[in-house]
Amino acid sequence: MPDTNPRYKVIIRCTECGEKYILRGTPNGEGGFDTGFKRCVCGNEKKLEMDITHE
């Protein structure tokens, strides 16, 4: 059965504290990915590095 919403492995790293999050996400209409991630445990919401690979 074909997957209508391709899933991607999204690695998010906080540039302020170095915390790393490994999530799964789907592309959204704004050119980003929906993962449910809001902010780092240190409170950082803006300075994040993302590495995205197809699953």
Foldseek 3Di string as FASTA:
>chain_A
DDDPFFKKWKWKAAPPPGDIDTFIFTDDPVRRTDTPDQADPVRDRPRMDMDIDTD
